[in-house]
Amino acid sequence: MHQEEYEAAIATFIRNNGITRCPTACAVPTQGIIAPADRVALQTHAAARSRARQLKIAASGQRFRGRVVLARPGE
């Protein structure tokens, strides 16, 4: 496969599958320069995920505390 055919195949795949970004670049922080607005949006998103995770953990703990725990036989 020649370079032009390879690039055309990649472009067709991206166009047909609607991929607009590299998944790796979206999943982890990069060493690139990030626009200030994007940096704020990322920090806001991270804070929201952290709050949601903390609420989920707290709710899980409340459910556990609300259960009746019976003593095991012999205790």
PDB file of N, CA and C in Angstrom:
ATOM      1  N   MET A   1       0.858  -1.168   0.000  1.00  0.00           N
ATOM      2  CA  MET A   1       0.000   0.000   0.000  1.00  0.00           C
ATOM      3  C   MET A   1       0.906   1.234   0.000  1.00  0.00           C
ATOM      4  N   HIS A   2       0.668   2.135  -0.910  1.00  0.00           N
ATOM      5  CA  HIS A   2       1.444   3.358  -0.996  1.00  0.00           C
ATOM      6  C   HIS A   2       0.991   4.346   0.069  1.00  0.00           C
ATOM      7  N   GLN A   3       1.835   5.327   0.357  1.00  0.00           N
ATOM      8  CA  GLN A   3       1.539   6.320   1.382  1.00  0.00           C
ATOM      9  C   GLN A   3       0.223   7.046   1.089  1.00  0.00           C
ATOM     10  N   GLU A   4      -0.026   7.397  -0.173  1.00  0.00           N
ATOM     11  CA  GLU A   4      -1.259   8.105  -0.514  1.00  0.00           C
ATOM     12  C   GLU A   4      -2.489   7.224  -0.241  1.00  0.00           C
ATOM     13  N   GLU A   5      -2.390   5.941  -0.566  1.00  0.00           N
ATOM     14  CA  GLU A   5      -3.501   5.011  -0.325  1.00  0.00           C
ATOM     15  C   GLU A   5      -3.740   4.844   1.181  1.00  0.00           C
ATOM     16  N   TYR A   6      -2.644   4.763   1.925  1.00  0.00           N
ATOM     17  CA  TYR A   6      -2.742   4.625   3.374  1.00  0.00           C
ATOM     18  C   TYR A   6      -3.443   5.840   3.974  1.00  0.00           C
ATOM     19  N   GLU A   7      -3.001   7.031   3.593  1.00  0.00           N
ATOM     20  CA  GLU A   7      -3.599   8.257   4.119  1.00  0.00           C
ATOM     21  C   GLU A   7      -5.061   8.381   3.712  1.00  0.00           C
ATOM     22  N   ALA A   8      -5.385   7.973   2.486  1.00  0.00           N
ATOM     23  CA  ALA A   8      -6.777   8.011   2.029  1.00  0.00           C
ATOM     24  C   ALA A   8      -7.628   7.025   2.834  1.00  0.00           C
ATOM     25  N   ALA A   9      -7.084   5.851   3.126  1.00  0.00           N
ATOM     26  CA  ALA A   9      -7.819   4.855   3.910  1.00  0.00           C
ATOM     27  C   ALA A   9      -8.074   5.366   5.327  1.00  0.00           C
ATOM     28  N   ILE A  10      -7.080   5.990   5.923  1.00  0.00           N
ATOM     29  CA  ILE A  10      -7.236   6.550   7.271  1.00  0.00           C
ATOM     30  C   ILE A  10      -8.279   7.667   7.254  1.00  0.00           C
ATOM     31  N   ALA A  11      -8.192   8.552   6.280  1.00  0.00           N
ATOM     32  CA  ALA A  11      -9.155   9.655   6.179  1.00  0.00           C
ATOM     33  C   ALA A  11     -10.573   9.125   5.996  1.00  0.00           C
ATOM     34  N   THR A  12     -10.747   8.099   5.193  1.00  0.00           N
ATOM     35  CA  THR A  12     -12.068   7.503   4.975  1.00  0.00           C
ATOM     36  C   THR A  12     -12.589   6.887   6.263  1.00  0.00           C
ATOM     37  N   PHE A  13     -11.726   6.169   6.976  1.00  0.00           N
ATOM     38  CA  PHE A  13     -12.123   5.558   8.240  1.00  0.00           C
ATOM     39  C   PHE A  13     -12.581   6.618   9.240  1.00  0.00           C
ATOM     40  N   ILE A  14     -11.795   7.681   9.362  1.00  0.00           N
ATOM     41  CA  ILE A  14     -12.143   8.751  10.299  1.00  0.00           C
ATOM     42  C   ILE A  14     -13.450   9.409   9.888  1.00  0.00           C
ATOM     43  N   ARG A  15     -13.617   9.677   8.622  1.00  0.00           N
ATOM     44  CA  ARG A  15     -14.839  10.317   8.127  1.00  0.00           C
ATOM     45  C   ARG A  15     -16.053   9.424   8.360  1.00  0.00           C
ATOM     46  N   ASN A  16     -15.929   8.130   8.100  1.00  0.00           N
ATOM     47  CA  ASN A  16     -17.061   7.210   8.236  1.00  0.00           C
ATOM     48  C   ASN A  16     -17.421   6.916   9.691  1.00  0.00           C
ATOM     49  N   ASN A  17     -16.442   6.966  10.586  1.00  0.00           N
ATOM     50  CA  ASN A  17     -16.680   6.627  11.984  1.00  0.00           C
ATOM     51  C   ASN A  17     -16.860   7.839  12.879  1.00  0.00           C
ATOM     52  N   GLY A  18     -16.722   9.015  12.328  1.00  0.00           N
ATOM     53  CA  GLY A  18     -16.962  10.231  13.095  1.00  0.00           C
ATOM     54  C   GLY A  18     -15.913  10.516  14.160  1.00  0.00           C
ATOM     55  N   ILE A  19     -14.730   9.983  14.019  1.00  0.00           N
ATOM     56  CA  ILE A  19     -13.674  10.215  14.996  1.00  0.00           C
ATOM     57  C   ILE A  19     -13.082  11.590  14.723  1.00  0.00           C
ATOM     58  N   THR A  20     -13.016  12.426  15.771  1.00  0.00           N
ATOM     59  CA  THR A  20     -12.490  13.764  15.584  1.00  0.00           C
ATOM     60  C   THR A  20     -11.213  14.006  16.367  1.00  0.00           C
ATOM     61  N   ARG A  21     -10.903  13.118  17.331  1.00  0.00           N
ATOM     62  CA  ARG A  21      -9.706  13.299  18.135  1.00  0.00           C
ATOM     63  C   ARG A  21      -9.033  11.962  18.374  1.00  0.00           C
ATOM     64  N   CYS A  22      -7.772  12.020  18.715  1.00  0.00           N
ATOM     65  CA  CYS A  22      -7.031  10.822  19.094  1.00  0.00           C
ATOM     66  C   CYS A  22      -7.508  10.388  20.475  1.00  0.00           C
ATOM     67  N   PRO A  23      -7.984   9.154  20.653  1.00  0.00           N
ATOM     68  CA  PRO A  23      -8.479   8.719  21.970  1.00  0.00           C
ATOM     69  C   PRO A  23      -7.423   8.835  23.065  1.00  0.00           C
ATOM     70  N   THR A  24      -6.178   8.594  22.757  1.00  0.00           N
ATOM     71  CA  THR A  24      -5.127   8.686  23.766  1.00  0.00           C
ATOM     72  C   THR A  24      -4.975  10.117  24.251  1.00  0.00           C
ATOM     73  N   ALA A  25      -5.046  11.069  23.356  1.00  0.00           N
ATOM     74  CA  ALA A  25      -4.906  12.469  23.739  1.00  0.00           C
ATOM     75  C   ALA A  25      -6.072  12.928  24.597  1.00  0.00           C
ATOM     76  N   CYS A  26      -7.227  12.327  24.434  1.00  0.00           N
ATOM     77  CA  CYS A  26      -8.391  12.705  25.217  1.00  0.00           C
ATOM     78  C   CYS A  26      -8.391  12.041  26.589  1.00  0.00           C
ATOM     79  N   ALA A  27      -7.678  10.942  26.738  1.00  0.00           N
ATOM     80  CA  ALA A  27      -7.731  10.164  27.969  1.00  0.00           C
ATOM     81  C   ALA A  27      -6.725  10.610  29.025  1.00  0.00           C
ATOM     82  N   VAL A  28      -5.599  11.134  28.609  1.00  0.00           N
ATOM     83  CA  VAL A  28      -4.557  11.484  29.568  1.00  0.00           C
ATOM     84  C   VAL A  28      -4.041  12.893  29.300  1.00  0.00           C
ATOM     85  N   PRO A  29      -3.526  13.529  30.329  1.00  0.00           N
ATOM     86  CA  PRO A  29      -2.939  14.854  30.111  1.00  0.00           C
ATOM     87  C   PRO A  29      -1.757  14.762  29.141  1.00  0.00           C
ATOM     88  N   THR A  30      -1.552  15.815  28.404  1.00  0.00           N
ATOM     89  CA  THR A  30      -0.457  15.842  27.435  1.00  0.00           C
ATOM     90  C   THR A  30       0.552  16.907  27.837  1.00  0.00           C
ATOM     91  N   GLN A  31       1.636  16.963  27.115  1.00  0.00           N
ATOM     92  CA  GLN A  31       2.637  17.991  27.360  1.00  0.00           C
ATOM     93  C   GLN A  31       2.442  19.172  26.423  1.00  0.00           C
ATOM     94  N   GLY A  32       1.377  19.173  25.659  1.00  0.00           N
ATOM     95  CA  GLY A  32       1.104  20.263  24.732  1.00  0.00           C
ATOM     96  C   GLY A  32       0.621  21.502  25.451  1.00  0.00           C
ATOM     97  N   ILE A  33       0.522  22.583  24.721  1.00  0.00           N
ATOM     98  CA  ILE A  33       0.018  23.835  25.274  1.00  0.00           C
ATOM     99  C   ILE A  33      -1.502  23.807  25.184  1.00  0.00           C
ATOM    100  N   ILE A  34      -2.135  24.023  26.311  1.00  0.00           N
ATOM    101  CA  ILE A  34      -3.591  23.963  26.382  1.00  0.00           C
ATOM    102  C   ILE A  34      -4.125  25.383  26.538  1.00  0.00           C
ATOM    103  N   ALA A  35      -5.140  25.706  25.773  1.00  0.00           N
ATOM    104  CA  ALA A  35      -5.745  27.033  25.854  1.00  0.00           C
ATOM    105  C   ALA A  35      -6.329  27.240  27.254  1.00  0.00           C
ATOM    106  N   PRO A  36      -6.276  28.464  27.768  1.00  0.00           N
ATOM    107  CA  PRO A  36      -6.792  28.728  29.120  1.00  0.00           C
ATOM    108  C   PRO A  36      -8.246  28.290  29.313  1.00  0.00           C
ATOM    109  N   ALA A  37      -9.094  28.523  28.315  1.00  0.00           N
ATOM    110  CA  ALA A  37     -10.499  28.131  28.433  1.00  0.00           C
ATOM    111  C   ALA A  37     -10.630  26.608  28.532  1.00  0.00           C
ATOM    112  N   ASP A  38      -9.826  25.888  27.765  1.00  0.00           N
ATOM    113  CA  ASP A  38      -9.852  24.426  27.828  1.00  0.00           C
ATOM    114  C   ASP A  38      -9.315  23.932  29.162  1.00  0.00           C
ATOM    115  N   ARG A  39      -8.319  24.614  29.687  1.00  0.00           N
ATOM    116  CA  ARG A  39      -7.747  24.239  30.980  1.00  0.00           C
ATOM    117  C   ARG A  39      -8.801  24.391  32.086  1.00  0.00           C
ATOM    118  N   VAL A  40      -9.550  25.486  32.056  1.00  0.00           N
ATOM    119  CA  VAL A  40     -10.610  25.717  33.041  1.00  0.00           C
ATOM    120  C   VAL A  40     -11.699  24.658  32.891  1.00  0.00           C
ATOM    121  N   ALA A  41     -12.071  24.345  31.655  1.00  0.00           N
ATOM    122  CA  ALA A  41     -13.107  23.335  31.425  1.00  0.00           C
ATOM    123  C   ALA A  41     -12.651  21.970  31.937  1.00  0.00           C
ATOM    124  N   LEU A  42     -11.389  21.628  31.740  1.00  0.00           N
ATOM    125  CA  LEU A  42     -10.860  20.360  32.229  1.00  0.00           C
ATOM    126  C   LEU A  42     -10.853  20.324  33.754  1.00  0.00           C
ATOM    127  N   GLN A  43     -10.456  21.413  34.391  1.00  0.00           N
ATOM    128  CA  GLN A  43     -10.452  21.462  35.851  1.00  0.00           C
ATOM    129  C   GLN A  43     -11.872  21.370  36.406  1.00  0.00           C
ATOM    130  N   THR A  44     -12.823  22.027  35.758  1.00  0.00           N
ATOM    131  CA  THR A  44     -14.221  21.962  36.179  1.00  0.00           C
ATOM    132  C   THR A  44     -14.751  20.542  36.048  1.00  0.00           C
ATOM    133  N   HIS A  45     -14.430  19.910  34.944  1.00  0.00           N
ATOM    134  CA  HIS A  45     -14.858  18.527  34.709  1.00  0.00           C
ATOM    135  C   HIS A  45     -14.253  17.586  35.754  1.00  0.00           C
ATOM    136  N   ALA A  46     -12.970  17.755  36.041  1.00  0.00           N
ATOM    137  CA  ALA A  46     -12.301  16.907  37.030  1.00  0.00           C
ATOM    138  C   ALA A  46     -12.910  17.110  38.411  1.00  0.00           C
ATOM    139  N   ALA A  47     -13.226  18.356  38.763  1.00  0.00           N
ATOM    140  CA  ALA A  47     -13.839  18.628  40.059  1.00  0.00           C
ATOM    141  C   ALA A  47     -15.236  18.007  40.153  1.00  0.00           C
ATOM    142  N   ALA A  48     -16.008  18.085  39.072  1.00  0.00           N
ATOM    143  CA  ALA A  48     -17.348  17.494  39.059  1.00  0.00           C
ATOM    144  C   ALA A  48     -17.272  15.976  39.198  1.00  0.00           C
ATOM    145  N   ARG A  49     -16.322  15.359  38.523  1.00  0.00           N
ATOM    146  CA  ARG A  49     -16.152  13.900  38.638  1.00  0.00           C
ATOM    147  C   ARG A  49     -15.746  13.517  40.054  1.00  0.00           C
ATOM    148  N   SER A  50     -14.876  14.309  40.645  1.00  0.00           N
ATOM    149  CA  SER A  50     -14.432  14.031  42.014  1.00  0.00           C
ATOM    150  C   SER A  50     -15.607  14.144  42.988  1.00  0.00           C
ATOM    151  N   ARG A  51     -16.431  15.188  42.851  1.00  0.00           N
ATOM    152  CA  ARG A  51     -17.607  15.345  43.722  1.00  0.00           C
ATOM    153  C   ARG A  51     -18.568  14.182  43.543  1.00  0.00           C
ATOM    154  N   ALA A  52     -18.796  13.783  42.292  1.00  0.00           N
ATOM    155  CA  ALA A  52     -19.710  12.665  42.032  1.00  0.00           C
ATOM    156  C   ALA A  52     -19.172  11.383  42.660  1.00  0.00           C
ATOM    157  N   ARG A  53     -17.870  11.167  42.564  1.00  0.00           N
ATOM    158  CA  ARG A  53     -17.245   9.979  43.154  1.00  0.00           C
ATOM    159  C   ARG A  53     -17.386  10.004  44.678  1.00  0.00           C
ATOM    160  N   GLN A  54     -17.166  11.180  45.292  1.00  0.00           N
ATOM    161  CA  GLN A  54     -17.285  11.299  46.744  1.00  0.00           C
ATOM    162  C   GLN A  54     -18.724  11.076  47.197  1.00  0.00           C
ATOM    163  N   LEU A  55     -19.690  11.604  46.451  1.00  0.00           N
ATOM    164  CA  LEU A  55     -21.098  11.391  46.800  1.00  0.00           C
ATOM    165  C   LEU A  55     -21.470   9.920  46.681  1.00  0.00           C
ATOM    166  N   LYS A  56     -20.953   9.257  45.678  1.00  0.00           N
ATOM    167  CA  LYS A  56     -21.233   7.836  45.494  1.00  0.00           C
ATOM    168  C   LYS A  56     -20.657   7.021  46.652  1.00  0.00           C
ATOM    169  N   ILE A  57     -19.458   7.370  47.067  1.00  0.00           N
ATOM    170  CA  ILE A  57     -18.833   6.673  48.194  1.00  0.00           C
ATOM    171  C   ILE A  57     -19.620   6.924  49.473  1.00  0.00           C
ATOM    172  N   ALA A  58     -20.035   8.175  49.685  1.00  0.00           N
ATOM    173  CA  ALA A  58     -20.813   8.507  50.881  1.00  0.00           C
ATOM    174  C   ALA A  58     -22.151   7.771  50.888  1.00  0.00           C
ATOM    175  N   ALA A  59     -22.807   7.718  49.740  1.00  0.00           N
ATOM    176  CA  ALA A  59     -24.096   7.017  49.648  1.00  0.00           C
ATOM    177  C   ALA A  59     -23.907   5.534  49.909  1.00  0.00           C
ATOM    178  N   SER A  60     -22.825   4.984  49.431  1.00  0.00           N
ATOM    179  CA  SER A  60     -22.534   3.569  49.652  1.00  0.00           C
ATOM    180  C   SER A  60     -22.337   3.305  51.141  1.00  0.00           C
ATOM    181  N   GLY A  61     -21.643   4.186  51.818  1.00  0.00           N
ATOM    182  CA  GLY A  61     -21.420   4.046  53.256  1.00  0.00           C
ATOM    183  C   GLY A  61     -22.705   4.149  54.040  1.00  0.00           C
ATOM    184  N   GLN A  62     -23.610   5.028  53.640  1.00  0.00           N
ATOM    185  CA  GLN A  62     -24.899   5.171  54.322  1.00  0.00           C
ATOM    186  C   GLN A  62     -25.737   3.922  54.153  1.00  0.00           C
ATOM    187  N   ARG A  63     -25.717   3.336  52.972  1.00  0.00           N
ATOM    188  CA  ARG A  63     -26.480   2.108  52.759  1.00  0.00           C
ATOM    189  C   ARG A  63     -25.942   1.000  53.650  1.00  0.00           C
ATOM    190  N   PHE A  64     -24.615   0.946  53.788  1.00  0.00           N
ATOM    191  CA  PHE A  64     -24.004  -0.100  54.605  1.00  0.00           C
ATOM    192  C   PHE A  64     -24.364   0.096  56.075  1.00  0.00           C
ATOM    193  N   ARG A  65     -24.330   1.333  56.560  1.00  0.00           N
ATOM    194  CA  ARG A  65     -24.640   1.600  57.959  1.00  0.00           C
ATOM    195  C   ARG A  65     -26.096   1.331  58.284  1.00  0.00           C
ATOM    196  N   GLY A  66     -26.956   1.409  57.288  1.00  0.00           N
ATOM    197  CA  GLY A  66     -28.379   1.205  57.517  1.00  0.00           C
ATOM    198  C   GLY A  66     -28.779  -0.251  57.613  1.00  0.00           C
ATOM    199  N   ARG A  67     -27.903  -1.158  57.308  1.00  0.00           N
ATOM    200  CA  ARG A  67     -28.232  -2.579  57.329  1.00  0.00           C
ATOM    201  C   ARG A  67     -28.077  -3.144  58.733  1.00  0.00           C
ATOM    202  N   VAL A  68     -28.885  -4.124  59.002  1.00  0.00           N
ATOM    203  CA  VAL A  68     -28.794  -4.819  60.277  1.00  0.00           C
ATOM    204  C   VAL A  68     -27.802  -5.957  60.114  1.00  0.00           C
ATOM    205  N   VAL A  69     -26.815  -5.977  60.979  1.00  0.00           N
ATOM    206  CA  VAL A  69     -25.806  -7.030  60.916  1.00  0.00           C
ATOM    207  C   VAL A  69     -26.076  -7.986  62.070  1.00  0.00           C
ATOM    208  N   LEU A  70     -26.336  -9.225  61.741  1.00  0.00           N
ATOM    209  CA  LEU A  70     -26.607 -10.230  62.770  1.00  0.00           C
ATOM    210  C   LEU A  70     -25.297 -10.857  63.214  1.00  0.00           C
ATOM    211  N   ALA A  71     -25.241 -11.205  64.483  1.00  0.00           N
ATOM    212  CA  ALA A  71     -24.047 -11.856  65.008  1.00  0.00           C
ATOM    213  C   ALA A  71     -23.959 -13.267  64.425  1.00  0.00           C
ATOM    214  N   ARG A  72     -22.759 -13.689  64.205  1.00  0.00           N
ATOM    215  CA  ARG A  72     -22.558 -15.059  63.698  1.00  0.00           C
ATOM    216  C   ARG A  72     -22.775 -16.045  64.846  1.00  0.00           C
ATOM    217  N   PRO A  73     -23.202 -17.238  64.528  1.00  0.00           N
ATOM    218  CA  PRO A  73     -23.391 -18.242  65.588  1.00  0.00           C
ATOM    219  C   PRO A  73     -22.074 -18.493  66.320  1.00  0.00           C
ATOM    220  N   GLY A  74     -22.161 -18.530  67.622  1.00  0.00           N
ATOM    221  CA  GLY A  74     -20.980 -18.791  68.429  1.00  0.00           C
ATOM    222  C   GLY A  74     -20.244 -17.538  68.856  1.00  0.00           C
ATOM    223  N   GLU A  75     -20.713 -16.378  68.449  1.00  0.00           N
ATOM    224  CA  GLU A  75     -20.044 -15.126  68.842  1.00  0.00           C
ATOM    225  C   GLU A  75     -20.784 -14.455  69.953  1.00  0.00           C
TER     226      GLU A  75
END
